[in-house]
Amino acid sequence: MNAIKKSSGMTLIGFIFVLMIVGLFAYAGFKLVPHYVEFEGVKDSMKTLQKQWGGGSPAQIRKDLDRIFYTSYVDSVKPQHVKVVRGNGGYVVTVKYDVREPFIGNLDFLMHFQNQVTLR
């Protein structure tokens, strides 16, 4: 009664391969998540501006938004990314910017972010 035992499980090479794939996704997450967290700060800042806005010129709107960005630690948004136009009975404020994050070698992630609020 010699029964042949079948081996089951993962080999060391298979385990290393799976570990490399998981590590690659973890590395990508570490590179991308901070930019998405910052964009949530941009959206929250714009909602704060919308709630606190008491009137003013486009220059004043830009100044107020810049102050809120500063206190929210938003660094990616520059003045040229903010557009203020008159419309819909008030002002429409649009923030649109791109972030390029180097990944591995000559591979980069390019992320496009855009948000818009109406001030009345």
Foldseek 3Di string as FASTA:
>chain_A
DDDDDDDDDDDPVRVVVVVVVVVLVVLVCVQPVVVVVLLVQLVVLVVVCQVPDDDDDPVVSLVSSVVSCVVSVRDQFDSVQWDWDDDDPFIKIKGWDWDWTDGPDPDIDIDIDMDIDGHD
